[in-house]
Amino acid sequence: MASALVARLRGPALLSLLDQGAVSGFGFLAGIAAARLIDMEAFGRFALVLIVAGFAQGLHNALVTAPLMTLAGSVRDPARYAAAVSAGALVLAAGLALGVAGALALYFHARGEAIPVDLVTAAGALTLAQNLQLTARRLLFAYEGGGRALVMDLARAVAFPLGVAGLWAAGIPLDAPRLVEILALTAFLTTLPALLARAADPGRRRLAIAARRHWQMARWLLPVVLVTFGQEQLVWILAGAALGDEALGGLRAAQYLVGIVLLMLAATENVVPTGAGRAYETGGEPALRAYLLGVTRRLGLPVAILLGLVAVPADLWLRLVFGAPYAPFAPCLRWLALGVVFIFLRDMAAQIFRARRRTDVIFRAFAVSFAVSLALIQPLIGRYGAAGAAAVVAIAHGASLLALVVALGRGALPRAETSERC
């Protein structure tokens, strides 16, 4: 039974990998371009915007797109469900955009600096655009095979360098706000056609039902985002505040290089939750475990090889890709590579609890890592600087993995939940 499910998902899995390659490859190349086109301090500000916008995207994912990918295969009326998700996503994305702009304004004010209105505004626009694009991508993969999602993301990947070239040709100086603005504009232009195609009134009842079903999962996934913010993004922000924007830029550069591997893991989010949910519904615990063990075996070796290729000659890669000023951050890259190992194994374990609708277990695991992170931030950053910040992140990921393994060993049982179908 599990092998049949794997065979059915082989096509979508390939499209998912290609699409995530386009998305993460674009992010990787855009980050390199930013580091090369602007100085290290400006790159640190650019990285700060991406970190805060990424946190907002995590909230959006917990409330909208993560539940979507688990529930999509079980709804009775996919068209109405997709319309409900699109409507809810638009409202939420707009609110998060305002929140990001306000948070950045407060951050610069707290540092005693003039608020960079252009950067703050661009950050809000980027948050809105990327959350809408994430929703469109997940909907397309859930119901249309992913081909249109791949076209959408490739179009953005092509549009960004064209936008940068256009500014250069017009003689407009490139800085962090301009780059963020181009990221936002290209996301809007490539996403709107996909969302407008689903512009329909889902009806209040269906919208309410969809919201309740999403909340059954999101009520624990949302706190997970909050505690993961404390174990990673907060570490970067505090490192930047304590060590300067240059240190934040160096840490971000190291994170970009391990992102080559993270793209493989992110690609599984388009397919594995849905596959795990179907396996659990049709074959129970045996089918679920067989499906996830198969995914882990297929991905484990490529992940290990890529991490070794990136981490061993870390200083060489940083110097070649980003420039000589970034080479001293090689220890950060090695710590982050170790963290990716923990992330991979933790994500596979978490899929078991997601399929069981036991996201509370996932939250508790991340709460453990949050506590570990808070305990280590000040001493490790104070003593080891940027390398200490990277070590905090890796150790925190390891703590959440250990907590999930312990929960599995204790045999956490699924809890019966009743839900309405859309």
Protein backbone atom coordinates (compact mmCIF):
# COMPACT_ATOMS: atom_id res chain seq x y z
CA MET A 1 0.00 0.00 0.00
CA ALA A 2 2.76 2.42 0.92
CA SER A 3 4.65 1.61 -2.30
CA ALA A 4 1.53 2.42 -4.31
CA LEU A 5 1.28 5.79 -2.61
CA VAL A 6 4.94 6.50 -3.34
CA ALA A 7 4.41 5.65 -7.01
CA ARG A 8 1.40 7.97 -7.24
CA LEU A 9 3.38 10.86 -5.75
CA ARG A 10 6.45 10.40 -7.90
CA GLY A 11 5.27 12.88 -10.55
CA PRO A 12 4.20 15.61 -8.09
CA ALA A 13 7.40 15.01 -6.12
CA LEU A 14 9.53 15.74 -9.19
CA LEU A 15 7.58 18.92 -9.94
CA SER A 16 7.87 19.91 -6.30
CA LEU A 17 11.63 19.44 -6.34
CA LEU A 18 11.93 21.44 -9.56
CA ASP A 19 9.74 24.21 -8.19
CA GLN A 20 11.55 24.38 -4.87
CA GLY A 21 14.79 24.41 -6.81
CA ALA A 22 13.51 27.44 -8.70
CA VAL A 23 12.34 29.15 -5.49
CA SER A 24 15.38 28.40 -3.37
CA GLY A 25 17.79 28.75 -6.26
CA PHE A 26 16.32 32.17 -6.91
CA GLY A 27 16.66 33.10 -3.24
CA PHE A 28 20.21 31.82 -3.19
CA LEU A 29 21.29 33.75 -6.30
CA ALA A 30 19.39 36.87 -5.21
CA GLY A 31 21.24 36.77 -1.89
CA ILE A 32 24.60 36.44 -3.62
CA ALA A 33 23.71 39.29 -5.94
CA ALA A 34 22.73 41.46 -2.98
CA ALA A 35 25.97 40.68 -1.17
CA ARG A 36 27.99 41.54 -4.27
CA LEU A 37 26.05 44.66 -5.27
CA ILE A 38 25.91 46.38 -1.86
CA ASP A 39 28.36 46.62 1.02
CA MET A 40 28.38 44.26 3.99
CA GLU A 41 26.52 46.60 6.33
CA ALA A 42 23.75 47.20 3.79
CA PHE A 43 23.60 43.46 3.21
CA GLY A 44 23.04 43.06 6.93
CA ARG A 45 19.99 45.35 6.68
CA PHE A 46 18.77 43.44 3.65
CA ALA A 47 19.13 40.24 5.68
CA LEU A 48 17.22 41.79 8.59
CA VAL A 49 14.25 42.49 6.33
CA LEU A 50 14.28 38.92 5.03
CA ILE A 51 14.44 37.54 8.58
CA VAL A 52 11.45 39.55 9.81
CA ALA A 53 9.47 38.90 6.61
CA GLY A 54 10.37 35.22 6.95
CA PHE A 55 8.92 35.18 10.47
CA ALA A 56 5.69 36.66 9.12
CA GLN A 57 5.67 33.99 6.42
CA GLY A 58 6.01 31.36 9.12
CA LEU A 59 2.89 32.72 10.82
CA HIS A 60 1.06 32.70 7.49
CA ASN A 61 2.20 29.15 6.81
CA ALA A 62 0.99 27.94 10.22
CA LEU A 63 -2.46 29.48 9.77
CA VAL A 64 -3.04 28.91 6.06
CA THR A 65 -0.67 26.84 3.95
CA ALA A 66 0.52 24.09 6.32
CA PRO A 67 -3.06 23.03 7.20
CA LEU A 68 -3.97 23.41 3.52
CA MET A 69 -1.45 20.80 2.39
CA THR A 70 -2.72 18.27 4.94
CA LEU A 71 -6.44 18.94 4.44
CA ALA A 72 -6.53 19.47 0.66
CA GLY A 73 -6.99 15.80 -0.15
CA SER A 74 -10.01 15.34 2.13
CA VAL A 75 -12.33 18.27 1.27
CA ARG A 76 -15.56 17.60 -0.62
CA ASP A 77 -15.59 20.76 -2.74
CA PRO A 78 -12.01 21.69 -3.75
CA ALA A 79 -13.06 24.81 -5.72
CA ARG A 80 -14.91 26.35 -2.78
CA TYR A 81 -12.19 25.36 -0.37
CA ALA A 82 -9.53 26.97 -2.57
CA ALA A 83 -11.62 30.15 -2.79
CA ALA A 84 -11.98 30.22 1.00
CA VAL A 85 -8.24 29.74 1.49
CA SER A 86 -7.45 32.52 -1.03
CA ALA A 87 -9.82 34.98 0.66
CA GLY A 88 -8.49 34.26 4.13
CA ALA A 89 -4.89 34.41 2.94
CA LEU A 90 -5.35 37.89 1.45
CA VAL A 91 -6.69 39.35 4.69
CA LEU A 92 -4.02 37.68 6.81
CA ALA A 93 -1.18 38.67 4.47
CA ALA A 94 -2.25 42.32 4.57
CA GLY A 95 -2.28 42.30 8.38
CA LEU A 96 1.13 40.67 8.57
CA ALA A 97 2.54 43.23 6.12
CA LEU A 98 1.47 46.06 8.42
CA GLY A 99 2.92 44.19 11.39
CA VAL A 100 6.31 43.74 9.73
CA ALA A 101 6.53 47.41 8.77
CA GLY A 102 5.65 48.45 12.31
CA ALA A 103 8.08 46.02 13.94
CA LEU A 104 11.00 47.22 11.80
CA ALA A 105 10.16 50.83 12.54
CA LEU A 106 10.26 50.08 16.28
CA TYR A 107 13.54 48.17 15.88
CA PHE A 108 15.35 51.09 14.26
CA HIS A 109 13.82 53.53 16.73
CA ALA A 110 15.05 51.37 19.63
CA ARG A 111 18.57 51.48 18.17
CA GLY A 112 18.41 55.26 18.20
CA GLU A 113 18.47 55.50 14.39
CA ALA A 114 16.27 57.41 12.01
CA ILE A 115 13.54 55.13 10.70
CA PRO A 116 14.36 54.22 7.05
CA VAL A 117 10.87 54.72 5.67
CA ASP A 118 11.72 53.34 2.24
CA LEU A 119 13.17 50.12 3.69
CA VAL A 120 10.29 49.67 6.15
CA THR A 121 7.66 50.22 3.43
CA ALA A 122 9.40 47.85 1.04
CA ALA A 123 9.54 45.21 3.79
CA GLY A 124 5.76 45.44 4.26
CA ALA A 125 5.17 45.09 0.52
CA LEU A 126 7.52 42.11 0.33
CA THR A 127 5.69 40.39 3.21
CA LEU A 128 2.32 40.81 1.50
CA ALA A 129 3.60 39.62 -1.88
CA GLN A 130 5.51 36.59 -0.64
CA ASN A 131 2.67 35.33 1.54
CA LEU A 132 0.27 35.56 -1.38
CA GLN A 133 2.76 33.74 -3.57
CA LEU A 134 3.19 30.99 -0.98
CA THR A 135 -0.59 30.50 -0.88
CA ALA A 136 -0.85 30.38 -4.66
CA ARG A 137 2.01 27.86 -4.87
CA ARG A 138 0.48 25.49 -2.33
CA LEU A 139 -2.97 25.68 -3.94
CA LEU A 140 -1.54 24.92 -7.35
CA PHE A 141 0.36 21.91 -6.03
CA ALA A 142 -2.69 20.68 -4.14
CA TYR A 143 -5.06 20.76 -7.08
CA GLU A 144 -3.34 21.33 -10.42
CA GLY A 145 -0.21 19.18 -10.35
CA GLY A 146 2.32 21.92 -9.74
CA GLY A 147 3.13 22.76 -13.38
CA ARG A 148 1.61 26.23 -13.13
CA ALA A 149 3.39 26.81 -9.84
CA LEU A 150 6.71 26.02 -11.50
CA VAL A 151 5.95 28.48 -14.31
CA MET A 152 5.01 31.16 -11.76
CA ASP A 153 8.20 30.76 -9.76
CA LEU A 154 10.43 30.57 -12.82
CA ALA A 155 8.86 33.79 -14.08
CA ARG A 156 9.78 35.55 -10.84
CA ALA A 157 13.31 34.16 -10.99
CA VAL A 158 13.71 35.67 -14.45
CA ALA A 159 11.99 38.97 -13.60
CA PHE A 160 14.25 39.85 -10.65
CA PRO A 161 17.58 40.14 -12.53
CA LEU A 162 15.76 42.02 -15.29
CA GLY A 163 14.51 44.49 -12.68
CA VAL A 164 18.00 44.91 -11.22
CA ALA A 165 19.43 45.43 -14.70
CA GLY A 166 16.71 48.00 -15.40
CA LEU A 167 17.64 50.05 -12.34
CA TRP A 168 21.31 49.84 -13.25
CA ALA A 169 20.60 50.95 -16.82
CA ALA A 170 18.51 53.86 -15.52
CA GLY A 171 21.39 54.97 -13.29
CA ILE A 172 19.43 54.39 -10.06
CA PRO A 173 21.80 53.48 -7.19
CA LEU A 174 21.25 50.01 -5.78
CA ASP A 175 20.81 49.69 -2.03
CA ALA A 176 18.89 47.50 0.39
CA PRO A 177 15.49 49.25 -0.08
CA ARG A 178 15.70 49.07 -3.88
CA LEU A 179 16.50 45.36 -3.83
CA VAL A 180 13.64 44.63 -1.43
CA GLU A 181 11.29 46.64 -3.64
CA ILE A 182 12.24 44.58 -6.69
CA LEU A 183 11.69 41.36 -4.75
CA ALA A 184 8.21 42.55 -3.77
CA LEU A 185 7.24 43.79 -7.24
CA THR A 186 8.30 40.61 -9.02
CA ALA A 187 6.37 38.49 -6.50
CA PHE A 188 3.21 40.56 -7.04
CA LEU A 189 3.40 40.47 -10.82
CA THR A 190 3.87 36.72 -11.04
CA THR A 191 1.40 35.74 -8.30
CA LEU A 192 -1.66 37.85 -9.05
CA PRO A 193 -2.74 35.89 -12.17
CA ALA A 194 -2.82 32.64 -10.19
CA LEU A 195 -4.84 34.11 -7.31
CA LEU A 196 -7.22 36.08 -9.51
CA ALA A 197 -8.12 32.84 -11.29
CA ARG A 198 -9.55 31.66 -7.96
CA ALA A 199 -11.29 34.94 -7.10
CA ALA A 200 -14.73 33.71 -6.06
CA ASP A 201 -16.99 34.15 -3.07
CA PRO A 202 -16.69 30.91 -1.07
CA GLY A 203 -19.68 31.77 1.11
CA ARG A 204 -19.55 32.60 4.79
CA ARG A 205 -20.37 29.09 5.94
CA ARG A 206 -17.60 27.47 3.90
CA LEU A 207 -15.15 30.17 4.94
CA ALA A 208 -16.02 29.55 8.59
CA ILE A 209 -15.71 25.77 8.20
CA ALA A 210 -12.34 26.12 6.48
CA ALA A 211 -11.15 28.48 9.21
CA ARG A 212 -12.19 26.04 11.95
CA ARG A 213 -10.49 23.09 10.29
CA HIS A 214 -7.31 25.11 9.78
CA TRP A 215 -7.39 26.27 13.37
CA GLN A 216 -7.51 22.68 14.64
CA MET A 217 -3.98 22.32 13.32
CA ALA A 218 -2.82 25.93 13.54
CA ARG A 219 -3.60 26.30 17.25
CA TRP A 220 -0.40 24.35 17.88
CA LEU A 221 1.52 25.15 14.70
CA LEU A 222 1.22 28.88 15.45
CA PRO A 223 2.98 28.63 18.82
CA VAL A 224 5.60 26.49 17.05
CA VAL A 225 6.37 29.48 14.82
CA LEU A 226 6.70 31.71 17.87
CA VAL A 227 9.13 29.41 19.65
CA THR A 228 11.12 28.71 16.47
CA PHE A 229 11.46 32.47 16.10
CA GLY A 230 13.11 32.45 19.49
CA GLN A 231 15.47 29.61 18.59
CA GLU A 232 16.69 31.03 15.26
CA GLN A 233 15.51 34.41 13.94
CA LEU A 234 15.77 36.03 17.38
CA VAL A 235 19.34 34.77 17.62
CA TRP A 236 20.22 36.47 14.32
CA ILE A 237 18.56 39.73 15.35
CA LEU A 238 20.32 39.77 18.72
CA ALA A 239 23.62 38.91 17.06
CA GLY A 240 23.15 41.84 14.69
CA ALA A 241 22.27 44.17 17.55
CA ALA A 242 25.25 43.03 19.66
CA LEU A 243 27.88 42.51 16.97
CA GLY A 244 26.74 44.89 14.21
CA ASP A 245 25.08 44.61 10.81
CA GLU A 246 28.27 43.18 9.30
CA ALA A 247 28.05 40.13 11.58
CA LEU A 248 24.42 39.66 10.62
CA GLY A 249 25.45 39.82 6.97
CA GLY A 250 28.12 37.16 7.51
CA LEU A 251 25.70 34.86 9.32
CA ARG A 252 23.17 35.30 6.55
CA ALA A 253 25.79 34.43 3.94
CA ALA A 254 26.56 31.18 5.77
CA GLN A 255 22.84 30.46 5.96
CA TYR A 256 22.52 30.95 2.20
CA LEU A 257 25.08 28.23 1.55
CA VAL A 258 23.32 25.62 3.71
CA GLY A 259 20.18 26.76 1.93
CA ILE A 260 21.32 24.63 -1.01
CA VAL A 261 20.39 21.63 1.14
CA LEU A 262 17.37 23.22 2.79
CA LEU A 263 15.74 23.58 -0.63
CA MET A 264 15.48 19.78 -0.80
CA LEU A 265 13.77 19.75 2.58
CA ALA A 266 11.47 22.63 1.70
CA ALA A 267 10.43 20.79 -1.45
CA THR A 268 9.02 17.98 0.66
CA GLU A 269 6.44 20.38 2.11
CA ASN A 270 4.63 20.43 -1.24
CA VAL A 271 4.18 16.66 -1.22
CA VAL A 272 5.07 14.81 1.98
CA PRO A 273 2.36 16.21 4.34
CA THR A 274 -0.35 15.32 1.83
CA GLY A 275 1.19 11.90 1.19
CA ALA A 276 1.58 11.24 4.91
CA GLY A 277 -2.01 12.30 5.54
CA ARG A 278 -3.30 9.99 2.82
CA ALA A 279 -1.15 7.11 4.06
CA TYR A 280 -2.49 7.51 7.58
CA GLU A 281 -6.11 7.77 6.40
CA THR A 282 -5.89 4.67 4.18
CA GLY A 283 -3.47 2.41 6.04
CA GLY A 284 -3.05 3.75 9.56
CA GLU A 285 0.23 3.76 11.48
CA PRO A 286 1.97 1.01 9.42
CA ALA A 287 1.39 2.80 6.12
CA LEU A 288 2.37 6.16 7.61
CA ARG A 289 5.65 4.89 8.99
CA ALA A 290 6.47 2.97 5.80
CA TYR A 291 5.83 6.07 3.70
CA LEU A 292 8.00 8.33 5.87
CA LEU A 293 10.82 5.78 6.16
CA GLY A 294 10.88 5.56 2.37
CA VAL A 295 11.11 9.36 2.06
CA THR A 296 13.87 9.49 4.69
CA ARG A 297 15.95 6.83 2.95
CA ARG A 298 15.68 8.48 -0.45
CA LEU A 299 16.60 11.93 0.82
CA GLY A 300 19.12 11.04 3.54
CA LEU A 301 22.11 10.23 1.32
CA PRO A 302 21.80 13.33 -0.95
CA VAL A 303 21.43 15.53 2.13
CA ALA A 304 24.54 14.06 3.76
CA ILE A 305 26.65 14.38 0.60
CA LEU A 306 25.64 17.99 -0.06
CA LEU A 307 26.25 19.02 3.54
CA GLY A 308 29.73 17.50 3.45
CA LEU A 309 30.58 19.29 0.21
CA VAL A 310 29.46 22.61 1.66
CA ALA A 311 30.77 22.38 5.22
CA VAL A 312 34.25 20.89 4.86
CA PRO A 313 35.70 23.64 2.61
CA ALA A 314 33.47 26.29 4.22
CA ASP A 315 35.96 29.17 4.04
CA LEU A 316 36.64 28.46 0.37
CA TRP A 317 32.95 28.61 -0.54
CA LEU A 318 32.36 31.81 1.40
CA ARG A 319 35.33 33.49 -0.26
CA LEU A 320 34.40 32.34 -3.76
CA VAL A 321 30.68 33.03 -3.55
CA PHE A 322 30.44 36.15 -1.39
CA GLY A 323 33.95 37.58 -1.26
CA ALA A 324 36.97 37.64 1.04
CA PRO A 325 35.27 39.63 3.88
CA TYR A 326 32.92 36.70 4.46
CA ALA A 327 35.57 33.95 4.80
CA PRO A 328 36.00 34.37 8.60
CA PHE A 329 32.42 33.14 9.03
CA ALA A 330 33.38 29.55 8.01
CA PRO A 331 32.80 28.17 11.57
CA CYS A 332 29.27 29.55 11.38
CA LEU A 333 28.66 27.61 8.18
CA ARG A 334 29.84 24.36 9.76
CA TRP A 335 27.57 24.80 12.77
CA LEU A 336 24.61 25.57 10.52
CA ALA A 337 25.32 22.46 8.43
CA LEU A 338 25.06 20.35 11.57
CA GLY A 339 21.78 22.10 12.30
CA VAL A 340 20.42 21.06 8.90
CA VAL A 341 21.01 17.40 9.78
CA PHE A 342 18.87 17.88 12.87
CA ILE A 343 16.22 19.76 10.84
CA PHE A 344 15.92 16.96 8.29
CA LEU A 345 15.44 14.24 10.89
CA ARG A 346 13.11 16.40 12.95
CA ASP A 347 10.89 17.21 9.96
CA MET A 348 10.44 13.53 9.17
CA ALA A 349 9.48 12.78 12.77
CA ALA A 350 7.12 15.77 12.88
CA GLN A 351 5.19 14.47 9.86
CA ILE A 352 4.00 11.55 12.01
CA PHE A 353 2.39 13.90 14.50
CA ARG A 354 1.00 16.17 11.78
CA ALA A 355 -0.75 13.22 10.14
CA ARG A 356 -2.17 12.23 13.53
CA ARG A 357 -3.38 15.82 14.05
CA ARG A 358 -1.15 15.93 17.16
CA THR A 359 0.56 19.22 16.46
CA ASP A 360 0.59 19.87 20.21
CA VAL A 361 3.46 17.38 20.45
CA ILE A 362 5.38 19.36 17.84
CA PHE A 363 4.82 22.53 19.81
CA ARG A 364 6.16 21.01 22.99
CA ALA A 365 9.28 19.81 21.16
CA PHE A 366 9.94 23.31 19.87
CA ALA A 367 9.24 24.77 23.29
CA VAL A 368 12.15 22.68 24.57
CA SER A 369 14.45 24.05 21.87
CA PHE A 370 13.23 27.58 22.60
CA ALA A 371 14.23 27.20 26.24
CA VAL A 372 17.62 25.81 25.24
CA SER A 373 18.14 28.71 22.86
CA LEU A 374 17.25 31.34 25.47
CA ALA A 375 19.65 29.74 27.93
CA LEU A 376 22.57 29.73 25.47
CA ILE A 377 22.15 33.00 23.52
CA GLN A 378 23.91 35.38 25.87
CA PRO A 379 26.87 33.22 26.96
CA LEU A 380 27.70 31.81 23.52
CA ILE A 381 27.35 35.07 21.59
CA GLY A 382 29.24 36.90 24.32
CA ARG A 383 32.14 34.46 24.25
CA TYR A 384 32.29 33.24 20.64
CA GLY A 385 30.60 36.00 18.64
CA ALA A 386 28.96 35.04 15.37
CA ALA A 387 30.14 31.41 15.65
CA GLY A 388 28.44 31.25 19.03
CA ALA A 389 25.19 32.48 17.47
CA ALA A 390 25.36 29.72 14.83
CA ALA A 391 26.10 27.15 17.54
CA VAL A 392 23.01 28.24 19.49
CA VAL A 393 20.85 27.64 16.42
CA ALA A 394 22.30 24.18 15.70
CA ILE A 395 22.03 23.03 19.32
CA ALA A 396 18.43 24.26 19.52
CA HIS A 397 17.46 22.25 16.42
CA GLY A 398 19.07 19.20 17.98
CA ALA A 399 17.06 19.73 21.17
CA SER A 400 13.72 19.77 19.31
CA LEU A 401 14.69 16.61 17.40
CA LEU A 402 15.52 14.85 20.66
CA ALA A 403 12.21 15.91 22.18
CA LEU A 404 10.25 14.44 19.21
CA VAL A 405 12.22 11.19 19.38
CA VAL A 406 11.40 10.91 23.07
CA ALA A 407 7.70 11.53 22.31
CA LEU A 408 7.76 8.78 19.67
CA GLY A 409 9.46 6.44 22.09
CA ARG A 410 6.73 7.05 24.63
CA GLY A 411 4.15 6.10 22.00
CA ALA A 412 2.15 9.35 21.90
CA LEU A 413 -1.25 8.19 20.74
CA PRO A 414 -3.51 10.02 18.29
CA ARG A 415 -6.35 11.89 19.88
CA ALA A 416 -9.72 11.58 18.23
CA GLU A 417 -10.93 14.86 16.75
CA THR A 418 -14.14 15.56 14.91
CA SER A 419 -14.08 18.08 12.10
CA GLU A 420 -16.40 19.31 9.43
CA ARG A 421 -15.59 18.79 5.76
CA CYS A 422 -15.62 21.64 3.34
